[in-house]
Amino acid sequence: MKATELRGKDQDALKKELNELLKAQFGLRMQIATQQLNNTAQLKKVRRDIARVKTVMNVKDAK
């Protein structure tokens, strides 16, 4: 997901996206704990997406 896509969304859509990403992160952490996750790069991608969403939300709040 790109930051330009996120900037076009409103605050409610960003909150929903953040919630979905946090659930995905939790699922990936559980897969790592049970050693079911083969592609650990997915966790890094989700963490970065969460950071992007939070950054865009903070920028929109500041305006």
PDB file of N, CA and C in Angstrom:
ATOM      1  N   MET A   1       0.838  -1.160   0.000  1.00  0.00           N
ATOM      2  CA  MET A   1       0.000   0.000   0.000  1.00  0.00           C
ATOM      3  C   MET A   1       0.895   1.239   0.000  1.00  0.00           C
ATOM      4  N   LYS A   2       0.468   2.234  -0.744  1.00  0.00           N
ATOM      5  CA  LYS A   2       1.267   3.440  -0.863  1.00  0.00           C
ATOM      6  C   LYS A   2       0.633   4.572  -0.065  1.00  0.00           C
ATOM      7  N   ALA A   3       1.465   5.518   0.342  1.00  0.00           N
ATOM      8  CA  ALA A   3       0.989   6.651   1.127  1.00  0.00           C
ATOM      9  C   ALA A   3       0.029   7.506   0.316  1.00  0.00           C
ATOM     10  N   THR A   4       0.220   7.574  -0.997  1.00  0.00           N
ATOM     11  CA  THR A   4      -0.681   8.378  -1.825  1.00  0.00           C
ATOM     12  C   THR A   4      -2.091   7.809  -1.812  1.00  0.00           C
ATOM     13  N   GLU A   5      -2.212   6.495  -1.739  1.00  0.00           N
ATOM     14  CA  GLU A   5      -3.529   5.866  -1.641  1.00  0.00           C
ATOM     15  C   GLU A   5      -4.179   6.213  -0.305  1.00  0.00           C
ATOM     16  N   LEU A   6      -3.375   6.248   0.738  1.00  0.00           N
ATOM     17  CA  LEU A   6      -3.906   6.509   2.072  1.00  0.00           C
ATOM     18  C   LEU A   6      -4.345   7.960   2.227  1.00  0.00           C
ATOM     19  N   ARG A   7      -3.634   8.873   1.590  1.00  0.00           N
ATOM     20  CA  ARG A   7      -3.971  10.290   1.722  1.00  0.00           C
ATOM     21  C   ARG A   7      -5.339  10.605   1.140  1.00  0.00           C
ATOM     22  N   GLY A   8      -5.803   9.790   0.205  1.00  0.00           N
ATOM     23  CA  GLY A   8      -7.108  10.001  -0.407  1.00  0.00           C
ATOM     24  C   GLY A   8      -8.266   9.518   0.446  1.00  0.00           C
ATOM     25  N   LYS A   9      -7.981   8.800   1.507  1.00  0.00           N
ATOM     26  CA  LYS A   9      -9.035   8.254   2.361  1.00  0.00           C
ATOM     27  C   LYS A   9      -9.358   9.213   3.503  1.00  0.00           C
ATOM     28  N   ASP A  10     -10.587   9.099   4.014  1.00  0.00           N
ATOM     29  CA  ASP A  10     -10.963   9.927   5.160  1.00  0.00           C
ATOM     30  C   ASP A  10     -10.545   9.245   6.459  1.00  0.00           C
ATOM     31  N   GLN A  11     -10.761   9.905   7.553  1.00  0.00           N
ATOM     32  CA  GLN A  11     -10.281   9.445   8.866  1.00  0.00           C
ATOM     33  C   GLN A  11     -10.911   8.103   9.256  1.00  0.00           C
ATOM     34  N   ASP A  12     -12.198   7.924   8.965  1.00  0.00           N
ATOM     35  CA  ASP A  12     -12.859   6.665   9.322  1.00  0.00           C
ATOM     36  C   ASP A  12     -12.294   5.491   8.535  1.00  0.00           C
ATOM     37  N   ALA A  13     -12.029   5.715   7.250  1.00  0.00           N
ATOM     38  CA  ALA A  13     -11.452   4.653   6.424  1.00  0.00           C
ATOM     39  C   ALA A  13     -10.044   4.311   6.898  1.00  0.00           C
ATOM     40  N   LEU A  14      -9.298   5.316   7.339  1.00  0.00           N
ATOM     41  CA  LEU A  14      -7.951   5.063   7.856  1.00  0.00           C
ATOM     42  C   LEU A  14      -8.003   4.254   9.145  1.00  0.00           C
ATOM     43  N   LYS A  15      -8.960   4.560  10.012  1.00  0.00           N
ATOM     44  CA  LYS A  15      -9.103   3.799  11.255  1.00  0.00           C
ATOM     45  C   LYS A  15      -9.450   2.345  10.963  1.00  0.00           C
ATOM     46  N   LYS A  16     -10.334   2.149   9.981  1.00  0.00           N
ATOM     47  CA  LYS A  16     -10.723   0.793   9.607  1.00  0.00           C
ATOM     48  C   LYS A  16      -9.512   0.043   9.040  1.00  0.00           C
ATOM     49  N   GLU A  17      -8.741   0.704   8.184  1.00  0.00           N
ATOM     50  CA  GLU A  17      -7.541   0.098   7.603  1.00  0.00           C
ATOM     51  C   GLU A  17      -6.528  -0.263   8.695  1.00  0.00           C
ATOM     52  N   LEU A  18      -6.349   0.642   9.661  1.00  0.00           N
ATOM     53  CA  LEU A  18      -5.427   0.394  10.765  1.00  0.00           C
ATOM     54  C   LEU A  18      -5.878  -0.812  11.584  1.00  0.00           C
ATOM     55  N   ASN A  19      -7.159  -0.903  11.842  1.00  0.00           N
ATOM     56  CA  ASN A  19      -7.692  -2.020  12.613  1.00  0.00           C
ATOM     57  C   ASN A  19      -7.451  -3.345  11.884  1.00  0.00           C
ATOM     58  N   GLU A  20      -7.661  -3.355  10.569  1.00  0.00           N
ATOM     59  CA  GLU A  20      -7.434  -4.571   9.789  1.00  0.00           C
ATOM     60  C   GLU A  20      -5.957  -4.960   9.798  1.00  0.00           C
ATOM     61  N   LEU A  21      -5.082  -3.967   9.695  1.00  0.00           N
ATOM     62  CA  LEU A  21      -3.648  -4.256   9.707  1.00  0.00           C
ATOM     63  C   LEU A  21      -3.195  -4.787  11.064  1.00  0.00           C
ATOM     64  N   LEU A  22      -3.750  -4.245  12.138  1.00  0.00           N
ATOM     65  CA  LEU A  22      -3.395  -4.736  13.469  1.00  0.00           C
ATOM     66  C   LEU A  22      -3.848  -6.180  13.666  1.00  0.00           C
ATOM     67  N   LYS A  23      -5.029  -6.525  13.132  1.00  0.00           N
ATOM     68  CA  LYS A  23      -5.494  -7.909  13.196  1.00  0.00           C
ATOM     69  C   LYS A  23      -4.589  -8.823  12.377  1.00  0.00           C
ATOM     70  N   ALA A  24      -4.161  -8.346  11.214  1.00  0.00           N
ATOM     71  CA  ALA A  24      -3.258  -9.136  10.373  1.00  0.00           C
ATOM     72  C   ALA A  24      -1.923  -9.347  11.078  1.00  0.00           C
ATOM     73  N   GLN A  25      -1.430  -8.299  11.745  1.00  0.00           N
ATOM     74  CA  GLN A  25      -0.170  -8.411  12.473  1.00  0.00           C
ATOM     75  C   GLN A  25      -0.293  -9.436  13.598  1.00  0.00           C
ATOM     76  N   PHE A  26      -1.405  -9.415  14.293  1.00  0.00           N
ATOM     77  CA  PHE A  26      -1.617 -10.378  15.371  1.00  0.00           C
ATOM     78  C   PHE A  26      -1.622 -11.803  14.813  1.00  0.00           C
ATOM     79  N   GLY A  27      -2.310 -11.996  13.702  1.00  0.00           N
ATOM     80  CA  GLY A  27      -2.360 -13.318  13.081  1.00  0.00           C
ATOM     81  C   GLY A  27      -0.981 -13.804  12.659  1.00  0.00           C
ATOM     82  N   LEU A  28      -0.195 -12.900  12.106  1.00  0.00           N
ATOM     83  CA  LEU A  28       1.162 -13.272  11.700  1.00  0.00           C
ATOM     84  C   LEU A  28       2.033 -13.614  12.908  1.00  0.00           C
ATOM     85  N   ARG A  29       1.863 -12.858  13.993  1.00  0.00           N
ATOM     86  CA  ARG A  29       2.640 -13.162  15.210  1.00  0.00           C
ATOM     87  C   ARG A  29       2.276 -14.534  15.756  1.00  0.00           C
ATOM     88  N   MET A  30       1.000 -14.887  15.686  1.00  0.00           N
ATOM     89  CA  MET A  30       0.576 -16.204  16.150  1.00  0.00           C
ATOM     90  C   MET A  30       1.140 -17.301  15.250  1.00  0.00           C
ATOM     91  N   GLN A  31       1.202 -17.034  13.946  1.00  0.00           N
ATOM     92  CA  GLN A  31       1.774 -18.019  13.031  1.00  0.00           C
ATOM     93  C   GLN A  31       3.262 -18.212  13.289  1.00  0.00           C
ATOM     94  N   ILE A  32       3.949 -17.133  13.632  1.00  0.00           N
ATOM     95  CA  ILE A  32       5.370 -17.256  13.966  1.00  0.00           C
ATOM     96  C   ILE A  32       5.534 -18.084  15.239  1.00  0.00           C
ATOM     97  N   ALA A  33       4.681 -17.832  16.220  1.00  0.00           N
ATOM     98  CA  ALA A  33       4.787 -18.541  17.495  1.00  0.00           C
ATOM     99  C   ALA A  33       4.548 -20.033  17.328  1.00  0.00           C
ATOM    100  N   THR A  34       3.652 -20.393  16.409  1.00  0.00           N
ATOM    101  CA  THR A  34       3.367 -21.808  16.187  1.00  0.00           C
ATOM    102  C   THR A  34       4.194 -22.385  15.043  1.00  0.00           C
ATOM    103  N   GLN A  35       5.124 -21.599  14.541  1.00  0.00           N
ATOM    104  CA  GLN A  35       6.046 -21.985  13.471  1.00  0.00           C
ATOM    105  C   GLN A  35       5.316 -22.429  12.211  1.00  0.00           C
ATOM    106  N   GLN A  36       4.233 -21.719  11.867  1.00  0.00           N
ATOM    107  CA  GLN A  36       3.484 -21.995  10.648  1.00  0.00           C
ATOM    108  C   GLN A  36       3.792 -20.984   9.555  1.00  0.00           C
ATOM    109  N   LEU A  37       4.480 -19.899   9.900  1.00  0.00           N
ATOM    110  CA  LEU A  37       4.751 -18.836   8.931  1.00  0.00           C
ATOM    111  C   LEU A  37       6.083 -19.098   8.235  1.00  0.00           C
ATOM    112  N   ASN A  38       6.022 -19.233   6.916  1.00  0.00           N
ATOM    113  CA  ASN A  38       7.247 -19.467   6.148  1.00  0.00           C
ATOM    114  C   ASN A  38       7.869 -18.157   5.693  1.00  0.00           C
ATOM    115  N   ASN A  39       7.044 -17.204   5.277  1.00  0.00           N
ATOM    116  CA  ASN A  39       7.532 -15.942   4.749  1.00  0.00           C
ATOM    117  C   ASN A  39       7.478 -14.883   5.850  1.00  0.00           C
ATOM    118  N   THR A  40       8.569 -14.726   6.579  1.00  0.00           N
ATOM    119  CA  THR A  40       8.582 -13.779   7.690  1.00  0.00           C
ATOM    120  C   THR A  40       8.644 -12.336   7.219  1.00  0.00           C
ATOM    121  N   ALA A  41       8.892 -12.107   5.949  1.00  0.00           N
ATOM    122  CA  ALA A  41       8.916 -10.743   5.402  1.00  0.00           C
ATOM    123  C   ALA A  41       7.527 -10.108   5.443  1.00  0.00           C
ATOM    124  N   GLN A  42       6.496 -10.933   5.515  1.00  0.00           N
ATOM    125  CA  GLN A  42       5.131 -10.410   5.599  1.00  0.00           C
ATOM    126  C   GLN A  42       4.955  -9.559   6.848  1.00  0.00           C
ATOM    127  N   LEU A  43       5.562  -9.972   7.941  1.00  0.00           N
ATOM    128  CA  LEU A  43       5.433  -9.235   9.192  1.00  0.00           C
ATOM    129  C   LEU A  43       6.038  -7.846   9.055  1.00  0.00           C
ATOM    130  N   LYS A  44       7.187  -7.750   8.422  1.00  0.00           N
ATOM    131  CA  LYS A  44       7.836  -6.460   8.217  1.00  0.00           C
ATOM    132  C   LYS A  44       6.974  -5.554   7.341  1.00  0.00           C
ATOM    133  N   LYS A  45       6.360  -6.126   6.304  1.00  0.00           N
ATOM    134  CA  LYS A  45       5.507  -5.352   5.403  1.00  0.00           C
ATOM    135  C   LYS A  45       4.293  -4.802   6.156  1.00  0.00           C
ATOM    136  N   VAL A  46       3.678  -5.623   6.992  1.00  0.00           N
ATOM    137  CA  VAL A  46       2.502  -5.185   7.743  1.00  0.00           C
ATOM    138  C   VAL A  46       2.890  -4.103   8.748  1.00  0.00           C
ATOM    139  N   ARG A  47       4.041  -4.258   9.400  1.00  0.00           N
ATOM    140  CA  ARG A  47       4.488  -3.241  10.358  1.00  0.00           C
ATOM    141  C   ARG A  47       4.692  -1.899   9.671  1.00  0.00           C
ATOM    142  N   ARG A  48       5.271  -1.927   8.491  1.00  0.00           N
ATOM    143  CA  ARG A  48       5.496  -0.682   7.752  1.00  0.00           C
ATOM    144  C   ARG A  48       4.186  -0.069   7.284  1.00  0.00           C
ATOM    145  N   ASP A  49       3.226  -0.911   6.888  1.00  0.00           N
ATOM    146  CA  ASP A  49       1.915  -0.399   6.487  1.00  0.00           C
ATOM    147  C   ASP A  49       1.207   0.261   7.670  1.00  0.00           C
ATOM    148  N   ILE A  50       1.343  -0.334   8.852  1.00  0.00           N
ATOM    149  CA  ILE A  50       0.753   0.251  10.055  1.00  0.00           C
ATOM    150  C   ILE A  50       1.369   1.621  10.314  1.00  0.00           C
ATOM    151  N   ALA A  51       2.675   1.711  10.172  1.00  0.00           N
ATOM    152  CA  ALA A  51       3.359   2.992  10.380  1.00  0.00           C
ATOM    153  C   ALA A  51       2.903   4.030   9.367  1.00  0.00           C
ATOM    154  N   ARG A  52       2.705   3.611   8.119  1.00  0.00           N
ATOM    155  CA  ARG A  52       2.238   4.545   7.093  1.00  0.00           C
ATOM    156  C   ARG A  52       0.860   5.087   7.431  1.00  0.00           C
ATOM    157  N   VAL A  53      -0.038   4.193   7.847  1.00  0.00           N
ATOM    158  CA  VAL A  53      -1.398   4.615   8.176  1.00  0.00           C
ATOM    159  C   VAL A  53      -1.379   5.580   9.355  1.00  0.00           C
ATOM    160  N   LYS A  54      -0.606   5.249  10.390  1.00  0.00           N
ATOM    161  CA  LYS A  54      -0.534   6.129  11.556  1.00  0.00           C
ATOM    162  C   LYS A  54       0.051   7.488  11.193  1.00  0.00           C
ATOM    163  N   THR A  55       1.041   7.506  10.322  1.00  0.00           N
ATOM    164  CA  THR A  55       1.651   8.768   9.903  1.00  0.00           C
ATOM    165  C   THR A  55       0.648   9.630   9.159  1.00  0.00           C
ATOM    166  N   VAL A  56      -0.085   9.038   8.231  1.00  0.00           N
ATOM    167  CA  VAL A  56      -1.083   9.801   7.477  1.00  0.00           C
ATOM    168  C   VAL A  56      -2.184  10.306   8.409  1.00  0.00           C
ATOM    169  N   MET A  57      -2.574   9.481   9.378  1.00  0.00           N
ATOM    170  CA  MET A  57      -3.595   9.917  10.335  1.00  0.00           C
ATOM    171  C   MET A  57      -3.110  11.107  11.150  1.00  0.00           C
ATOM    172  N   ASN A  58      -1.851  11.070  11.589  1.00  0.00           N
ATOM    173  CA  ASN A  58      -1.308  12.177  12.366  1.00  0.00           C
ATOM    174  C   ASN A  58      -1.180  13.452  11.546  1.00  0.00           C
ATOM    175  N   VAL A  59      -0.824  13.311  10.288  1.00  0.00           N
ATOM    176  CA  VAL A  59      -0.720  14.482   9.413  1.00  0.00           C
ATOM    177  C   VAL A  59      -2.094  15.111   9.204  1.00  0.00           C
ATOM    178  N   LYS A  60      -3.106  14.266   9.018  1.00  0.00           N
ATOM    179  CA  LYS A  60      -4.461  14.784   8.818  1.00  0.00           C
ATOM    180  C   LYS A  60      -4.998  15.435  10.090  1.00  0.00           C
ATOM    181  N   ASP A  61      -4.620  14.922  11.246  1.00  0.00           N
ATOM    182  CA  ASP A  61      -5.064  15.518  12.516  1.00  0.00           C
ATOM    183  C   ASP A  61      -4.423  16.891  12.725  1.00  0.00           C
ATOM    184  N   ALA A  62      -3.207  17.066  12.260  1.00  0.00           N
ATOM    185  CA  ALA A  62      -2.486  18.316  12.464  1.00  0.00           C
ATOM    186  C   ALA A  62      -3.063  19.448  11.615  1.00  0.00           C
ATOM    187  N   LYS A  63      -3.739  19.114  10.542  1.00  0.00           N
ATOM    188  CA  LYS A  63      -4.276  20.154   9.653  1.00  0.00           C
ATOM    189  C   LYS A  63      -5.545  20.757  10.179  1.00  0.00           C
TER     190      LYS A  63
END
